[in-house]
Amino acid sequence: MASNAAKQGADDAPGCRITRLPRVIRLDRSDARIFDPPAAPGEIAVTGAFAFADVRVDALKGRDLIAFGQGFLGLVSFGRATFVQVARVEPGEVEASTLALGAGRRCRLRRRGARRPDKG
């Protein structure tokens, strides 16, 4: 009988840290018609609702409502995507994505004239 490590694959053996995050996939051209900008295939993404943390949901309309409810936010382009697949990421990609997400969020807040959370 094969061990659990052999069944799972060497990379998934107990003690190995494998990180998986959503990556943008493009099944057709609809994202380019709906979102401006569309996210690039392969970029790491988070739920699109993240970008609307400081917006009233009942105020969203049109493309923004679609992005909030059905979209994902690409962390390189800050573009939008409809579909993702969960895929492996390297540790450096996780760190870079975390930094990109924080930088993008701060930039959006500055453009809207919001106060920085650390400044009260």
N, C-alpha and C. Protein backbone atom coordinates (compact mmCIF):
# COMPACT_ATOMS: atom_id res chain seq x y z
N MET A 1 0.84 -1.18 0.00
CA MET A 1 0.00 0.00 0.00
C MET A 1 0.89 1.25 0.00
N ALA A 2 0.56 2.20 -0.84
CA ALA A 2 1.36 3.41 -0.98
C ALA A 2 1.14 4.33 0.22
N SER A 3 2.20 5.01 0.60
CA SER A 3 2.09 5.95 1.72
C SER A 3 1.27 7.16 1.29
N ASN A 4 0.78 7.90 2.28
CA ASN A 4 0.03 9.11 1.98
C ASN A 4 0.87 10.09 1.19
N ALA A 5 2.16 10.21 1.53
CA ALA A 5 3.04 11.13 0.81
C ALA A 5 3.14 10.75 -0.66
N ALA A 6 3.23 9.46 -0.95
CA ALA A 6 3.33 9.02 -2.34
C ALA A 6 2.03 9.30 -3.08
N LYS A 7 0.91 9.11 -2.41
CA LYS A 7 -0.39 9.39 -3.05
C LYS A 7 -0.54 10.87 -3.35
N GLN A 8 -0.10 11.70 -2.42
CA GLN A 8 -0.27 13.13 -2.56
C GLN A 8 0.76 13.75 -3.49
N GLY A 9 1.86 13.13 -3.67
CA GLY A 9 2.96 13.72 -4.42
C GLY A 9 3.99 14.24 -3.44
N ALA A 10 5.23 14.23 -3.86
CA ALA A 10 6.33 14.61 -2.96
C ALA A 10 6.17 16.02 -2.41
N ASP A 11 5.67 16.96 -3.22
CA ASP A 11 5.54 18.33 -2.77
C ASP A 11 4.46 18.50 -1.71
N ASP A 12 3.48 17.59 -1.69
CA ASP A 12 2.38 17.70 -0.74
C ASP A 12 2.59 16.83 0.49
N ALA A 13 3.78 16.27 0.66
CA ALA A 13 4.05 15.40 1.80
C ALA A 13 3.92 16.19 3.09
N PRO A 14 3.54 15.51 4.17
CA PRO A 14 3.45 16.21 5.46
C PRO A 14 4.76 16.93 5.77
N GLY A 15 4.64 18.15 6.25
CA GLY A 15 5.82 18.94 6.57
C GLY A 15 6.23 19.89 5.45
N CYS A 16 5.76 19.65 4.23
CA CYS A 16 6.05 20.56 3.12
C CYS A 16 4.98 21.63 3.10
N ARG A 17 5.41 22.85 2.97
CA ARG A 17 4.45 23.94 2.93
C ARG A 17 4.19 24.32 1.48
N ILE A 18 2.99 24.06 1.04
CA ILE A 18 2.58 24.41 -0.31
C ILE A 18 1.48 25.46 -0.19
N THR A 19 1.66 26.58 -0.84
CA THR A 19 0.65 27.62 -0.80
C THR A 19 -0.07 27.66 -2.12
N ARG A 20 -1.38 27.74 -2.03
CA ARG A 20 -2.21 27.84 -3.22
C ARG A 20 -3.10 29.07 -3.07
N LEU A 21 -3.17 29.84 -4.11
CA LEU A 21 -4.00 31.04 -4.13
C LEU A 21 -4.73 31.11 -5.47
N PRO A 22 -5.78 31.92 -5.54
CA PRO A 22 -6.48 32.07 -6.82
C PRO A 22 -5.60 32.78 -7.85
N ARG A 23 -5.59 32.25 -9.06
CA ARG A 23 -4.92 32.88 -10.20
C ARG A 23 -5.96 33.12 -11.28
N VAL A 24 -5.86 34.26 -11.93
CA VAL A 24 -6.80 34.63 -12.98
C VAL A 24 -6.69 33.67 -14.16
N ILE A 25 -7.84 33.24 -14.66
CA ILE A 25 -7.90 32.50 -15.92
C ILE A 25 -8.87 33.24 -16.83
N ARG A 26 -8.66 33.13 -18.11
CA ARG A 26 -9.53 33.79 -19.08
C ARG A 26 -10.10 32.73 -20.00
N LEU A 27 -11.41 32.55 -19.94
CA LEU A 27 -12.07 31.56 -20.78
C LEU A 27 -12.53 32.14 -22.11
N ASP A 28 -12.76 33.44 -22.12
CA ASP A 28 -13.19 34.12 -23.35
C ASP A 28 -12.82 35.60 -23.21
N ARG A 29 -13.35 36.45 -24.08
CA ARG A 29 -13.00 37.88 -24.06
C ARG A 29 -13.95 38.74 -23.23
N SER A 30 -14.86 38.12 -22.52
CA SER A 30 -15.88 38.91 -21.81
C SER A 30 -15.28 39.85 -20.76
N ASP A 31 -14.23 39.45 -20.08
CA ASP A 31 -13.63 40.35 -19.08
C ASP A 31 -13.16 41.66 -19.70
N ALA A 32 -12.63 41.59 -20.90
CA ALA A 32 -12.16 42.81 -21.58
C ALA A 32 -13.33 43.73 -21.93
N ARG A 33 -14.50 43.17 -22.13
CA ARG A 33 -15.68 43.99 -22.44
C ARG A 33 -16.34 44.54 -21.18
N ILE A 34 -16.20 43.82 -20.07
CA ILE A 34 -16.89 44.22 -18.84
C ILE A 34 -16.03 45.12 -17.96
N PHE A 35 -14.77 44.75 -17.78
CA PHE A 35 -13.92 45.42 -16.80
C PHE A 35 -12.87 46.30 -17.47
N ASP A 36 -12.60 47.45 -16.83
CA ASP A 36 -11.56 48.35 -17.30
C ASP A 36 -10.68 48.71 -16.11
N PRO A 37 -9.52 48.14 -16.02
CA PRO A 37 -8.89 47.17 -16.92
C PRO A 37 -9.23 45.74 -16.52
N PRO A 38 -9.12 44.82 -17.46
CA PRO A 38 -9.25 43.41 -17.10
C PRO A 38 -7.93 42.92 -16.49
N ALA A 39 -8.02 41.97 -15.59
CA ALA A 39 -6.81 41.37 -15.00
C ALA A 39 -6.16 40.44 -16.01
N ALA A 40 -4.87 40.29 -15.92
CA ALA A 40 -4.12 39.43 -16.84
C ALA A 40 -4.19 37.97 -16.38
N PRO A 41 -4.32 37.06 -17.32
CA PRO A 41 -4.30 35.64 -16.95
C PRO A 41 -3.01 35.30 -16.20
N GLY A 42 -3.15 34.52 -15.15
CA GLY A 42 -1.99 34.09 -14.38
C GLY A 42 -1.69 34.93 -13.16
N GLU A 43 -2.23 36.15 -13.09
CA GLU A 43 -1.90 36.94 -11.90
C GLU A 43 -2.70 36.46 -10.69
N ILE A 44 -2.09 36.59 -9.53
CA ILE A 44 -2.75 36.21 -8.29
C ILE A 44 -3.88 37.19 -8.03
N ALA A 45 -4.98 36.68 -7.49
CA ALA A 45 -6.17 37.52 -7.30
C ALA A 45 -6.77 37.30 -5.92
N VAL A 46 -7.56 38.27 -5.50
CA VAL A 46 -8.37 38.16 -4.29
C VAL A 46 -9.81 38.49 -4.68
N THR A 47 -10.73 38.27 -3.77
CA THR A 47 -12.11 38.60 -4.06
C THR A 47 -12.22 40.07 -4.46
N GLY A 48 -13.05 40.34 -5.44
CA GLY A 48 -13.22 41.71 -5.92
C GLY A 48 -13.83 42.63 -4.88
N ALA A 49 -14.53 42.06 -3.91
CA ALA A 49 -15.16 42.87 -2.87
C ALA A 49 -14.13 43.60 -2.02
N PHE A 50 -12.91 43.10 -2.00
CA PHE A 50 -11.85 43.73 -1.20
C PHE A 50 -11.70 45.21 -1.54
N ALA A 51 -11.77 45.55 -2.80
CA ALA A 51 -11.56 46.93 -3.23
C ALA A 51 -12.72 47.85 -2.86
N PHE A 52 -13.82 47.28 -2.39
CA PHE A 52 -14.99 48.08 -2.06
C PHE A 52 -15.24 48.14 -0.56
N ALA A 53 -14.20 47.94 0.23
CA ALA A 53 -14.34 47.91 1.68
C ALA A 53 -14.88 49.22 2.24
N ASP A 54 -14.62 50.32 1.57
CA ASP A 54 -15.06 51.62 2.08
C ASP A 54 -16.22 52.20 1.26
N VAL A 55 -16.96 51.34 0.56
CA VAL A 55 -18.06 51.79 -0.31
C VAL A 55 -19.35 51.13 0.17
N ARG A 56 -20.42 51.89 0.15
CA ARG A 56 -21.73 51.30 0.48
C ARG A 56 -22.20 50.43 -0.68
N VAL A 57 -22.53 49.20 -0.38
CA VAL A 57 -22.93 48.25 -1.42
C VAL A 57 -24.17 48.73 -2.16
N ASP A 58 -25.11 49.34 -1.46
CA ASP A 58 -26.33 49.80 -2.13
C ASP A 58 -26.08 50.96 -3.08
N ALA A 59 -24.89 51.56 -3.04
CA ALA A 59 -24.54 52.64 -3.96
C ALA A 59 -23.88 52.13 -5.24
N LEU A 60 -23.54 50.85 -5.29
CA LEU A 60 -22.86 50.29 -6.47
C LEU A 60 -23.85 50.05 -7.60
N LYS A 61 -23.40 50.34 -8.81
CA LYS A 61 -24.23 50.13 -10.00
C LYS A 61 -23.37 49.63 -11.15
N GLY A 62 -23.99 49.01 -12.11
CA GLY A 62 -23.32 48.62 -13.35
C GLY A 62 -22.10 47.75 -13.15
N ARG A 63 -21.01 48.16 -13.79
CA ARG A 63 -19.77 47.38 -13.75
C ARG A 63 -19.20 47.24 -12.35
N ASP A 64 -19.36 48.28 -11.54
CA ASP A 64 -18.86 48.19 -10.16
C ASP A 64 -19.63 47.13 -9.37
N LEU A 65 -20.93 47.04 -9.59
CA LEU A 65 -21.72 46.02 -8.91
C LEU A 65 -21.31 44.62 -9.35
N ILE A 66 -21.03 44.45 -10.65
CA ILE A 66 -20.56 43.16 -11.16
C ILE A 66 -19.21 42.83 -10.54
N ALA A 67 -18.31 43.81 -10.50
CA ALA A 67 -16.97 43.58 -9.93
C ALA A 67 -17.06 43.21 -8.46
N PHE A 68 -17.97 43.83 -7.74
CA PHE A 68 -18.14 43.53 -6.32
C PHE A 68 -18.69 42.12 -6.11
N GLY A 69 -19.72 41.78 -6.83
CA GLY A 69 -20.42 40.53 -6.58
C GLY A 69 -19.87 39.31 -7.28
N GLN A 70 -19.24 39.51 -8.44
CA GLN A 70 -18.84 38.37 -9.25
C GLN A 70 -17.39 38.40 -9.69
N GLY A 71 -16.67 39.44 -9.34
CA GLY A 71 -15.33 39.58 -9.87
C GLY A 71 -14.22 39.31 -8.88
N PHE A 72 -13.04 39.16 -9.43
CA PHE A 72 -11.81 39.02 -8.65
C PHE A 72 -10.91 40.18 -9.00
N LEU A 73 -10.04 40.56 -8.08
CA LEU A 73 -9.12 41.67 -8.25
C LEU A 73 -7.72 41.13 -8.45
N GLY A 74 -7.14 41.39 -9.63
CA GLY A 74 -5.76 40.98 -9.90
C GLY A 74 -4.80 41.87 -9.14
N LEU A 75 -3.78 41.28 -8.52
CA LEU A 75 -2.90 42.04 -7.65
C LEU A 75 -1.73 42.70 -8.36
N VAL A 76 -1.52 42.41 -9.61
CA VAL A 76 -0.47 43.09 -10.37
C VAL A 76 -1.07 44.29 -11.09
N SER A 77 -2.13 44.06 -11.83
CA SER A 77 -2.75 45.10 -12.65
C SER A 77 -3.84 45.88 -11.91
N PHE A 78 -4.33 45.34 -10.80
CA PHE A 78 -5.53 45.84 -10.14
C PHE A 78 -6.70 45.88 -11.11
N GLY A 79 -6.63 44.98 -12.10
CA GLY A 79 -7.73 44.77 -13.02
C GLY A 79 -8.68 43.73 -12.46
N ARG A 80 -9.73 43.50 -13.18
CA ARG A 80 -10.78 42.58 -12.72
C ARG A 80 -10.85 41.34 -13.59
N ALA A 81 -11.35 40.27 -13.01
CA ALA A 81 -11.54 39.01 -13.73
C ALA A 81 -12.78 38.30 -13.20
N THR A 82 -13.40 37.53 -14.06
CA THR A 82 -14.58 36.77 -13.67
C THR A 82 -14.20 35.42 -13.09
N PHE A 83 -13.14 34.80 -13.63
CA PHE A 83 -12.79 33.44 -13.23
C PHE A 83 -11.36 33.34 -12.72
N VAL A 84 -11.18 32.46 -11.73
CA VAL A 84 -9.86 32.12 -11.22
C VAL A 84 -9.80 30.60 -11.04
N GLN A 85 -8.59 30.11 -10.91
CA GLN A 85 -8.40 28.73 -10.47
C GLN A 85 -7.37 28.76 -9.36
N VAL A 86 -7.53 27.88 -8.41
CA VAL A 86 -6.59 27.81 -7.30
C VAL A 86 -5.35 27.07 -7.80
N ALA A 87 -4.20 27.70 -7.63
CA ALA A 87 -2.94 27.15 -8.14
C ALA A 87 -1.82 27.42 -7.15
N ARG A 88 -0.75 26.67 -7.32
CA ARG A 88 0.43 26.86 -6.47
C ARG A 88 1.07 28.22 -6.71
N VAL A 89 1.61 28.75 -5.64
CA VAL A 89 2.39 29.98 -5.73
C VAL A 89 3.67 29.79 -4.94
N GLU A 90 4.69 30.45 -5.36
CA GLU A 90 5.98 30.41 -4.68
C GLU A 90 5.96 31.38 -3.50
N PRO A 91 6.75 31.12 -2.46
CA PRO A 91 6.78 32.03 -1.30
C PRO A 91 7.04 33.49 -1.69
N GLY A 92 7.92 33.73 -2.63
CA GLY A 92 8.19 35.11 -3.06
C GLY A 92 6.97 35.77 -3.69
N GLU A 93 6.15 34.98 -4.37
CA GLU A 93 4.93 35.52 -4.97
C GLU A 93 3.92 35.93 -3.90
N VAL A 94 3.86 35.16 -2.83
CA VAL A 94 2.94 35.48 -1.74
C VAL A 94 3.33 36.82 -1.12
N GLU A 95 4.61 36.98 -0.84
CA GLU A 95 5.09 38.24 -0.24
C GLU A 95 4.86 39.41 -1.20
N ALA A 96 5.20 39.25 -2.46
CA ALA A 96 5.02 40.32 -3.44
C ALA A 96 3.54 40.68 -3.58
N SER A 97 2.68 39.69 -3.57
CA SER A 97 1.25 39.94 -3.70
C SER A 97 0.70 40.68 -2.48
N THR A 98 1.18 40.30 -1.31
CA THR A 98 0.75 40.98 -0.08
C THR A 98 1.16 42.45 -0.12
N LEU A 99 2.38 42.72 -0.54
CA LEU A 99 2.85 44.10 -0.65
C LEU A 99 2.06 44.87 -1.70
N ALA A 100 1.79 44.24 -2.84
CA ALA A 100 1.03 44.89 -3.91
C ALA A 100 -0.38 45.23 -3.44
N LEU A 101 -0.98 44.31 -2.72
CA LEU A 101 -2.34 44.54 -2.22
C LEU A 101 -2.38 45.72 -1.26
N GLY A 102 -1.43 45.78 -0.34
CA GLY A 102 -1.37 46.89 0.59
C GLY A 102 -1.09 48.21 -0.10
N ALA A 103 -0.17 48.22 -1.04
CA ALA A 103 0.16 49.45 -1.77
C ALA A 103 -1.02 49.92 -2.61
N GLY A 104 -1.69 49.01 -3.26
CA GLY A 104 -2.85 49.37 -4.07
C GLY A 104 -3.98 49.92 -3.23
N ARG A 105 -4.19 49.34 -2.09
CA ARG A 105 -5.25 49.81 -1.19
C ARG A 105 -4.94 51.22 -0.70
N ARG A 106 -3.70 51.47 -0.30
CA ARG A 106 -3.33 52.81 0.16
C ARG A 106 -3.50 53.83 -0.97
N CYS A 107 -3.14 53.46 -2.18
CA CYS A 107 -3.26 54.36 -3.33
C CYS A 107 -4.73 54.70 -3.57
N ARG A 108 -5.61 53.72 -3.52
CA ARG A 108 -7.05 53.97 -3.72
C ARG A 108 -7.59 54.90 -2.65
N LEU A 109 -7.18 54.70 -1.41
CA LEU A 109 -7.65 55.56 -0.33
C LEU A 109 -7.18 57.00 -0.53
N ARG A 110 -5.93 57.18 -0.95
CA ARG A 110 -5.41 58.53 -1.20
C ARG A 110 -6.19 59.21 -2.32
N ARG A 111 -6.49 58.48 -3.39
CA ARG A 111 -7.24 59.07 -4.51
C ARG A 111 -8.63 59.50 -4.08
N ARG A 112 -9.21 58.80 -3.12
CA ARG A 112 -10.55 59.15 -2.65
C ARG A 112 -10.51 60.19 -1.54
N GLY A 113 -9.31 60.57 -1.11
CA GLY A 113 -9.18 61.58 -0.08
C GLY A 113 -9.44 61.07 1.33
N ALA A 114 -9.38 59.77 1.50
CA ALA A 114 -9.63 59.19 2.82
C ALA A 114 -8.41 59.38 3.72
N ARG A 115 -8.67 59.41 5.01
CA ARG A 115 -7.57 59.48 5.97
C ARG A 115 -6.90 58.12 6.06
N ARG A 116 -5.61 58.13 6.31
CA ARG A 116 -4.89 56.87 6.52
C ARG A 116 -5.32 56.28 7.84
N PRO A 117 -5.59 54.96 7.87
CA PRO A 117 -6.03 54.33 9.13
C PRO A 117 -5.06 54.54 10.28
N ASP A 118 -3.76 54.58 10.01
CA ASP A 118 -2.78 54.73 11.08
C ASP A 118 -2.68 56.18 11.57
N LYS A 119 -3.33 57.11 10.88
CA LYS A 119 -3.28 58.52 11.28
C LYS A 119 -4.57 58.95 11.97
N GLY A 120 -5.55 58.03 12.08
CA GLY A 120 -6.81 58.34 12.77
C GLY A 120 -7.58 59.32 12.03
